[in-house]
Protein backbone atom coordinates (compact mmCIF):
# COMPACT_ATOMS: atom_id res chain seq x y z
CA MET A 1 5.78 -66.31 -13.28
CA LEU A 2 3.24 -65.61 -10.54
CA LEU A 3 5.64 -63.15 -8.91
CA ILE A 4 6.17 -61.43 -12.26
CA ALA A 5 2.40 -61.27 -12.82
CA LEU A 6 1.82 -59.83 -9.34
CA THR A 7 4.56 -57.27 -9.90
CA LEU A 8 3.04 -56.27 -13.23
CA ALA A 9 -0.42 -56.01 -11.63
CA ILE A 10 0.90 -53.78 -8.87
CA GLY A 11 2.59 -51.66 -11.52
CA VAL A 12 -0.65 -51.29 -13.46
CA ILE A 13 -2.53 -50.28 -10.29
CA ALA A 14 0.17 -47.78 -9.39
CA LEU A 15 0.11 -46.37 -12.91
CA CYS A 16 -3.68 -46.02 -12.84
CA ASN A 17 -3.53 -44.30 -9.45
CA ALA A 18 -0.79 -41.96 -10.66
CA ALA A 19 -2.82 -41.12 -13.75
CA ALA A 20 -5.91 -40.62 -11.60
CA ASN A 21 -4.03 -38.22 -9.33
CA VAL A 22 -2.97 -36.15 -12.34
CA LEU A 23 -6.37 -36.24 -14.03
CA SER A 24 -8.35 -35.54 -10.84
CA THR A 25 -7.88 -31.80 -11.21
CA VAL A 26 -8.68 -31.59 -14.94
CA ALA A 27 -10.92 -34.59 -15.68
CA PRO A 28 -12.21 -36.02 -12.37
CA GLU A 29 -14.77 -38.34 -14.00
CA ILE A 30 -12.08 -40.03 -16.10
CA ALA A 31 -9.87 -40.22 -13.01
CA VAL A 32 -12.58 -42.15 -11.13
CA GLU A 33 -12.99 -44.56 -14.05
CA LEU A 34 -9.25 -45.22 -14.06
CA ALA A 35 -9.04 -45.67 -10.29
CA PRO A 36 -12.50 -46.04 -8.70
CA HIS A 37 -10.94 -46.52 -5.26
CA ASN A 38 -8.60 -43.54 -5.41
CA GLY A 39 -9.76 -41.21 -2.63
CA PHE A 40 -8.17 -38.14 -4.19
CA ALA A 41 -9.96 -38.78 -7.49
CA LEU A 42 -13.27 -39.49 -5.73
CA ALA A 43 -13.05 -36.23 -3.78
CA ALA A 44 -12.26 -34.27 -6.96
CA ALA A 45 -15.18 -35.90 -8.78
CA ALA A 46 -17.47 -35.10 -5.85
CA ASN A 47 -16.38 -31.49 -5.94
CA ALA A 48 -17.04 -31.39 -9.70
CA MET A 49 -20.62 -32.49 -9.03
CA LEU A 50 -21.13 -29.30 -7.00
CA ALA A 51 -19.20 -26.98 -9.32
CA GLY A 52 -21.20 -27.69 -12.48
CA ALA A 53 -24.02 -25.63 -13.94
CA LYS A 54 -26.50 -28.04 -12.34
CA PRO A 55 -25.08 -29.05 -8.94
CA ASP A 56 -25.90 -32.62 -7.91
CA SER A 57 -25.54 -32.68 -4.12
CA GLU A 58 -26.69 -36.30 -3.81
CA ARG A 59 -24.10 -37.62 -6.26
CA ALA A 60 -21.48 -35.40 -4.65
CA SER A 61 -22.33 -36.77 -1.21
CA THR A 62 -22.08 -40.35 -2.46
CA LEU A 63 -18.65 -39.83 -4.01
CA ALA A 64 -17.36 -37.86 -1.01
CA ARG A 65 -18.47 -40.60 1.39
CA LYS A 66 -16.69 -43.20 -0.74
CA ALA A 67 -13.54 -41.11 -0.58
CA LEU A 68 -13.84 -40.87 3.18
CA GLU A 69 -14.27 -44.65 3.45
CA ARG A 70 -10.83 -44.89 1.87
CA ASP A 71 -9.35 -42.14 4.03
CA PRO A 72 -11.30 -40.42 6.85
CA THR A 73 -8.74 -37.58 6.84
CA ASN A 74 -9.30 -36.63 3.19
CA VAL A 75 -9.90 -32.89 3.70
CA PRO A 76 -11.23 -32.11 0.19
CA ALA A 77 -13.75 -34.93 0.61
CA ILE A 78 -14.76 -33.65 4.06
CA ARG A 79 -15.25 -30.15 2.70
CA THR A 80 -17.20 -31.34 -0.36
CA LEU A 81 -19.51 -33.46 1.78
CA ALA A 82 -20.06 -30.45 4.06
CA PHE A 83 -20.95 -28.25 1.10
CA ALA A 84 -23.34 -30.88 -0.23
CA LEU A 85 -25.02 -31.13 3.18
CA GLU A 86 -25.38 -27.36 3.34
CA MET A 87 -27.02 -27.34 -0.09
CA GLY A 88 -29.50 -29.82 1.33
CA GLY A 89 -30.29 -27.53 4.25
CA ALA A 90 -28.16 -29.24 6.91
CA ARG A 91 -25.98 -26.22 7.71
CA ALA A 92 -25.27 -27.22 11.31
CA ARG A 93 -23.96 -30.63 10.22
CA ALA A 94 -21.96 -28.95 7.47
CA ALA A 95 -20.35 -26.57 9.99
CA ARG A 96 -19.37 -29.48 12.25
CA LEU A 97 -17.79 -31.32 9.32
CA LEU A 98 -15.86 -28.23 8.24
CA GLY A 99 -14.65 -27.81 11.80
CA TYR A 100 -13.38 -31.39 11.71
CA GLY A 101 -11.68 -30.76 8.36
CA GLN A 102 -10.04 -27.59 9.68
CA SER A 103 -8.72 -29.49 12.69
CA LEU A 104 -6.85 -31.69 10.21
CA SER A 105 -5.52 -28.92 7.97
CA LEU A 106 -5.74 -25.14 7.73
CA ARG A 107 -4.52 -25.11 4.15
CA ASP A 108 -7.82 -25.90 2.39
CA ILE A 109 -8.72 -22.58 0.77
CA PRO A 110 -12.43 -23.32 0.01
CA THR A 111 -12.92 -24.14 3.71
CA GLN A 112 -11.35 -20.82 4.72
CA LEU A 113 -13.55 -18.98 2.22
CA TRP A 114 -16.62 -20.63 3.75
CA TYR A 115 -15.55 -19.44 7.20
CA ILE A 116 -14.94 -15.92 5.86
CA GLU A 117 -18.43 -15.79 4.37
CA ASP A 118 -19.93 -17.21 7.55
CA ALA A 119 -18.15 -14.62 9.71
CA VAL A 120 -19.17 -11.75 7.42
CA THR A 121 -22.80 -12.94 7.55
CA ARG A 122 -22.63 -12.86 11.34
CA GLY A 123 -20.86 -9.50 11.39
CA ASP A 124 -17.85 -11.02 13.15
CA VAL A 125 -14.95 -8.92 11.85
CA PRO A 126 -12.16 -10.55 13.93
CA ALA A 127 -13.22 -14.02 12.76
CA ALA A 128 -13.41 -12.95 9.12
CA LEU A 129 -9.94 -11.41 9.27
CA HIS A 130 -8.61 -14.49 11.07
CA HIS A 131 -9.66 -16.71 8.18
CA TYR A 132 -8.42 -14.20 5.61
CA ASP A 133 -5.07 -14.42 7.37
CA ILE A 134 -5.07 -18.21 7.29
CA ALA A 135 -5.97 -18.33 3.60
CA LEU A 136 -3.39 -15.72 2.60
CA ARG A 137 -0.65 -17.39 4.62
CA SER A 138 -1.55 -20.78 3.18
CA ASP A 139 -1.36 -19.94 -0.51
CA ALA A 140 0.09 -16.81 -2.16
CA ALA A 141 -1.87 -17.70 -5.31
CA VAL A 142 -5.10 -16.44 -3.68
CA GLN A 143 -3.75 -12.90 -3.24
CA PRO A 144 -5.09 -11.62 -6.59
CA SER A 145 -8.55 -12.90 -5.61
CA LEU A 146 -8.66 -11.86 -1.95
CA PHE A 147 -6.69 -8.61 -1.94
CA PRO A 148 -9.25 -6.57 -3.94
CA ILE A 149 -12.02 -7.65 -1.55
CA LEU A 150 -9.98 -6.83 1.52
CA VAL A 151 -8.77 -3.52 0.04
CA ALA A 152 -12.37 -2.47 -0.72
CA ALA A 153 -13.38 -3.40 2.83
CA THR A 154 -10.97 -0.85 4.32
CA SER A 155 -13.64 1.81 3.80
CA ASP A 156 -15.13 0.31 7.01
CA GLN A 157 -13.42 1.55 10.18
CA ALA A 158 -14.10 -1.77 11.94
CA ILE A 159 -12.07 -3.55 9.25
CA VAL A 160 -9.24 -1.02 9.60
CA ASP A 161 -9.13 -1.51 13.38
CA GLY A 162 -9.06 -5.28 12.95
CA LEU A 163 -6.36 -5.14 10.30
CA VAL A 164 -4.07 -3.21 12.64
CA SER A 165 -3.99 -6.22 14.96
CA VAL A 166 -3.55 -8.73 12.14
CA LEU A 167 -0.81 -6.80 10.31
CA ALA A 168 1.00 -6.10 13.58
CA ARG A 169 1.91 -9.81 13.59
CA ARG A 170 3.78 -9.30 10.31
CA PRO A 171 2.15 -12.08 8.25
CA VAL A 172 3.99 -12.96 5.07
CA TRP A 173 1.29 -11.27 2.97
CA SER A 174 1.35 -7.93 4.83
CA GLU A 175 3.75 -6.00 2.58
CA PRO A 176 2.20 -7.00 -0.79
CA PHE A 177 -1.22 -6.20 0.70
CA LEU A 178 -0.09 -2.76 1.85
CA ILE A 179 1.33 -2.08 -1.61
CA ALA A 180 -2.01 -3.07 -3.16
CA LEU A 181 -3.74 -0.82 -0.63
CA THR A 182 -1.64 2.23 -1.57
CA ARG A 183 -2.64 1.64 -5.19
CA ASP A 184 -6.36 0.88 -4.94
CA ALA A 185 -7.73 1.97 -1.54
CA PRO A 186 -11.21 3.55 -1.69
CA ASP A 187 -10.44 5.96 1.19
CA PHE A 188 -6.87 7.03 1.89
CA GLY A 189 -7.97 8.68 5.11
CA LYS A 190 -8.72 5.19 6.42
CA VAL A 191 -5.38 3.96 5.09
CA ALA A 192 -3.68 6.74 7.07
CA LEU A 193 -5.40 5.51 10.24
CA LEU A 194 -4.29 1.95 9.47
CA VAL A 195 -0.64 2.95 8.90
CA ASP A 196 -0.67 5.15 12.02
CA GLY A 197 -2.21 2.31 14.03
CA MET A 198 0.57 -0.03 12.91
CA ARG A 199 3.17 2.52 14.02
CA ARG A 200 1.51 2.89 17.42
CA ALA A 201 1.44 -0.91 17.76
CA GLY A 202 5.22 -0.95 17.34
CA THR A 203 5.21 -2.57 13.89
CA PRO A 204 5.35 0.33 11.41
CA ALA A 205 4.56 -0.14 7.75
CA PRO A 206 7.52 -0.15 5.33
CA PRO A 207 8.74 3.45 4.75
CA SER A 208 7.89 3.26 1.05
CA VAL A 209 4.27 2.52 1.95
CA THR A 210 4.05 5.37 4.44
CA VAL A 211 5.61 7.80 1.95
CA ALA A 212 3.17 6.70 -0.76
CA VAL A 213 0.18 7.25 1.55
CA ILE A 214 1.44 10.68 2.67
CA ASN A 215 1.91 11.83 -0.91
CA ARG A 216 -1.46 10.44 -2.05
CA LEU A 217 -3.19 12.29 0.79
CA GLY A 218 -1.34 15.42 -0.27
CA SER A 219 -2.55 15.05 -3.84
CA GLU A 220 -6.09 14.90 -2.43
CA ARG A 221 -5.37 17.97 -0.25
CA ARG A 222 -6.00 15.97 2.91
CA PHE A 223 -3.10 17.65 4.60
CA ASP A 224 -4.08 16.99 8.23
CA ALA A 225 -4.06 13.22 7.71
CA ALA A 226 -0.82 13.42 5.73
CA TRP A 227 0.85 15.48 8.47
CA MET A 228 -0.28 13.03 11.15
CA LEU A 229 1.66 10.27 9.38
CA TYR A 230 4.69 12.43 8.69
CA ALA A 231 4.92 13.60 12.30
CA GLY A 232 4.87 9.95 13.33
CA LEU A 233 7.90 9.26 11.14
CA ASP A 234 10.12 11.84 12.84
CA ARG A 235 8.66 13.97 15.61
CA GLN A 236 11.80 16.10 15.87
CA ALA A 237 11.80 16.98 12.17
CA ALA A 238 8.11 17.80 12.33
CA LEU A 239 8.75 20.44 15.02
CA ALA A 240 10.92 22.52 12.67
CA PRO A 241 9.22 25.15 10.47
CA LEU A 242 11.26 23.86 7.50
CA ARG A 243 12.82 20.45 6.95
CA ASN A 244 16.44 20.43 5.77
CA PRO A 245 16.73 24.23 5.44
CA ASP A 246 20.21 23.75 3.93
CA PHE A 247 18.80 21.40 1.23
CA SER A 248 21.00 18.57 2.53
CA GLY A 249 18.42 16.02 1.44
CA PRO A 250 15.01 14.68 2.42
CA SER A 251 14.69 12.94 5.77
CA HIS A 252 12.06 10.47 4.60
CA ASN A 253 12.51 9.83 0.91
CA SER A 254 10.72 12.81 -0.60
CA THR A 255 7.34 13.16 1.02
CA ILE A 256 5.43 16.33 0.29
CA PHE A 257 6.82 17.72 3.58
CA ASP A 258 10.43 17.28 2.40
CA TRP A 259 12.23 19.05 -0.42
CA ASN A 260 11.09 17.88 -3.82
CA LEU A 261 13.68 18.99 -6.35
CA ALA A 262 13.30 19.38 -10.13
CA SER A 263 15.20 16.82 -12.17
CA GLY A 264 14.11 17.12 -15.79
CA SER A 265 12.09 18.90 -18.53
CA GLY A 266 14.55 21.79 -18.65
CA LEU A 267 14.46 22.35 -14.89
CA LYS A 268 17.10 20.90 -12.59
CA SER A 269 18.25 21.50 -9.04
CA ASP A 270 20.89 19.86 -6.83
CA PRO A 271 21.93 20.33 -3.20
CA ILE A 272 25.26 22.12 -2.74
CA VAL A 273 27.66 19.93 -0.79
CA GLY A 274 29.86 21.77 1.72
CA GLY A 275 30.19 25.50 2.37
CA GLY A 276 27.10 25.58 4.56
CA GLY A 277 24.86 23.94 1.99
CA GLY A 278 22.30 25.47 -0.34
CA LEU A 279 20.76 24.71 -3.72
CA HIS A 280 22.06 25.10 -7.26
CA PHE A 281 19.31 25.40 -9.87
CA VAL A 282 19.06 25.69 -13.64
CA ALA A 283 16.17 26.61 -15.94
CA ALA A 284 16.90 26.04 -19.62
CA THR A 285 15.62 28.27 -22.42
CA ASN A 286 11.78 28.29 -22.54
CA ALA A 287 11.59 26.17 -19.36
CA ALA A 288 9.75 27.58 -16.36
CA GLY A 289 8.38 26.28 -13.08
CA PRO A 290 9.32 25.27 -9.54
CA VAL A 291 12.83 23.96 -8.99
CA ALA A 292 12.22 23.15 -5.30
CA VAL A 293 8.99 22.64 -3.35
CA GLN A 294 8.18 21.80 0.27
CA LEU A 295 4.93 21.85 2.23
CA LEU A 296 5.06 23.56 5.63
CA ARG A 297 2.88 23.42 8.74
CA ILE A 298 3.57 26.80 10.31
CA PRO A 299 1.08 27.96 12.98
CA ILE A 300 -0.83 31.23 12.80
CA GLY A 301 1.50 34.18 13.42
CA ARG A 302 4.13 36.58 12.04
CA TYR A 303 7.34 35.24 10.55
CA MET A 304 10.56 36.37 8.92
CA LEU A 305 12.12 34.44 6.05
CA GLN A 306 15.77 35.01 5.18
CA SER A 307 18.39 33.53 2.86
CA ALA A 308 20.99 34.63 0.32
CA THR A 309 21.70 34.15 -3.36
CA ARG A 310 24.99 33.94 -5.20
CA SER A 311 26.19 33.32 -8.75
CA LEU A 312 22.74 34.17 -10.10
CA SER A 313 22.81 34.50 -13.89
CA ARG A 314 19.59 35.46 -15.64
CA GLY A 315 20.33 37.94 -18.42
CA ALA A 316 17.31 40.10 -19.24
CA GLY A 317 14.78 37.48 -18.28
CA PRO A 318 12.55 37.42 -15.19
CA SER A 319 14.17 36.94 -11.78
CA PRO A 320 13.84 33.59 -10.04
CA SER A 321 11.55 33.91 -7.05
CA LEU A 322 10.68 32.36 -3.72
CA ARG A 323 6.99 32.18 -2.90
CA ILE A 324 4.92 30.99 0.07
CA ARG A 325 1.22 30.40 -0.36
CA CYS A 326 -1.61 28.63 1.45
CA ALA A 327 -1.74 25.05 0.15
CA ASP A 328 -5.52 24.82 0.32
CA SER A 329 -6.53 28.17 -1.15
CA ASP A 330 -3.38 29.18 -3.10
CA VAL A 331 -3.52 32.58 -1.37
CA VAL A 332 -0.01 34.06 -1.65
CA LEU A 333 1.58 34.98 1.70
CA ALA A 334 4.97 36.16 0.46
CA THR A 335 6.87 36.57 -2.80
CA VAL A 336 10.55 37.47 -3.07
CA ALA A 337 12.41 38.12 -6.34
CA LEU A 338 15.82 36.57 -5.76
CA PRO A 339 18.50 39.26 -5.94
CA ASP A 340 21.31 39.03 -8.45
CA GLY A 341 24.61 37.89 -7.00
CA ALA A 342 27.55 37.42 -9.33
CA GLY A 343 30.13 36.82 -6.61
CA ALA A 344 29.60 37.33 -2.89
CA PRO A 345 26.28 36.17 -1.43
CA VAL A 346 23.46 38.74 -1.49
CA ALA A 347 21.23 38.37 1.57
CA PHE A 348 17.50 38.94 1.47
CA ARG A 349 14.64 38.76 3.93
CA GLN A 350 10.87 38.95 3.80
CA GLY A 351 8.25 39.12 6.52
CA PHE A 352 4.93 37.33 6.15
CA VAL A 353 1.84 36.47 8.15
CA VAL A 354 0.17 33.07 8.37
CA PRO A 355 -3.58 33.69 8.80
CA ALA A 356 -6.30 31.43 10.14
CA ALA A 357 -7.58 28.74 7.76
CA CYS A 358 -4.06 28.31 6.35
CA ASP A 359 -2.80 25.30 8.30
CA THR A 360 -0.58 24.07 5.45
CA GLN A 361 1.66 26.26 3.33
CA ARG A 362 3.54 25.62 0.11
CA LEU A 363 7.06 27.03 -0.30
CA GLU A 364 8.33 27.16 -3.89
CA ILE A 365 11.49 28.36 -5.55
CA GLU A 366 10.63 29.15 -9.17
CA ALA A 367 12.81 29.87 -12.17
CA ASP A 368 12.03 30.92 -15.75
CA GLY A 369 14.65 30.40 -18.47
CA GLY A 370 12.73 32.74 -20.80
CA ASP A 371 14.30 33.33 -24.21
CA GLU A 372 17.84 33.55 -22.88
CA ILE A 373 20.30 31.34 -24.77
CA ASN A 374 21.81 30.07 -21.55
CA GLY A 375 18.58 30.12 -19.58
CA VAL A 376 18.81 30.94 -15.87
CA SER A 377 21.04 29.45 -13.18
CA GLY A 378 22.06 30.33 -9.66
CA ASP A 379 22.58 29.30 -6.08
CA ILE A 380 20.43 29.95 -3.06
CA GLY A 381 21.72 29.42 0.46
CA PRO A 382 19.97 27.84 3.44
CA ILE A 383 16.49 29.21 4.12
CA ILE A 384 15.65 30.29 7.65
CA ILE A 385 12.11 30.95 8.90
CA ARG A 386 11.82 32.62 12.34
CA SER A 387 8.74 33.37 14.38
CA MET A 388 8.17 37.08 15.07
CA GLY A 389 5.37 36.54 17.54
CA ALA A 390 1.62 36.11 17.47
CA ASN A 391 -0.46 37.58 14.69
CA PRO A 392 -1.17 41.25 15.53
């Protein structure tokens, strides 16, 4: 009977401790009543004393010390005692305790947040980023809380420089952070420097991130920063006046410096496979606009553009056209009405001059379906741009 009684008593104690462990996160005071010697419950109750509307640092200290009497390695109790000491003005003692707790475990998020705040107060960027890294590697659940703060901080060049080193180590949180950055960054010029820094460090950002940054910079007309990133993707492609002149497809998943082809709203264009390449385009009735667009970075000088059309069907409507203009000012450099070509290719050429203050150009092929029942359709062959020498 004694053995049975002892077994039942142990069972009751175990049950109380189990209940206390469960309740410690939602009702720490009840957990302590159930199991007054449960260190986990005592630490949770101590933390609750600091988290309330009226923090009680003395009561928190008492409960935390009791928890530590049960287990000197109870990290939540160590951290709570440290916070209570800091509230009482003993910051140096609190820092020593937190250092002890961190030597036991790096996974306590409130401790890492304390170190982040401490580093920021001291202006120590590497230390702040180090503890951000620890926290984000320890628990993915903190990403929604920490990412917005870190994204906002990228407006500071010192943070960007520090992040290059951290992200170069490929922490598990790097890609979701970069995605958040491409969505919410306060300054995409700084993001461009970050992405370029990662490339130079030998650990480039995912292509989808780089493409998103390039295109966002383009939408803001920050073409120099966008071109810096694009040239880093493929130096050889960047040397050409036109990428994929035969329309064979974008090299880097449709950045603004690759062909962007129409695919809906009455406008559609598709690369021609075989036969030297080219582009087939269609503009339905009452649909008008660009069917293919690419940004160029042609230096100051004189140039000759040439291509050919074939199977162009437009009825009485306006001719499709090819136009080059300055991307910043929209000043038109050249406009060519595409010649009709029902059978054999019809070649055309057009000279143009790139002036100063026109570092980035926009090449567009436009079509207007007008009121024609069948709209407009046709093929254009590869486009060649040749330098004709310096600007006269």
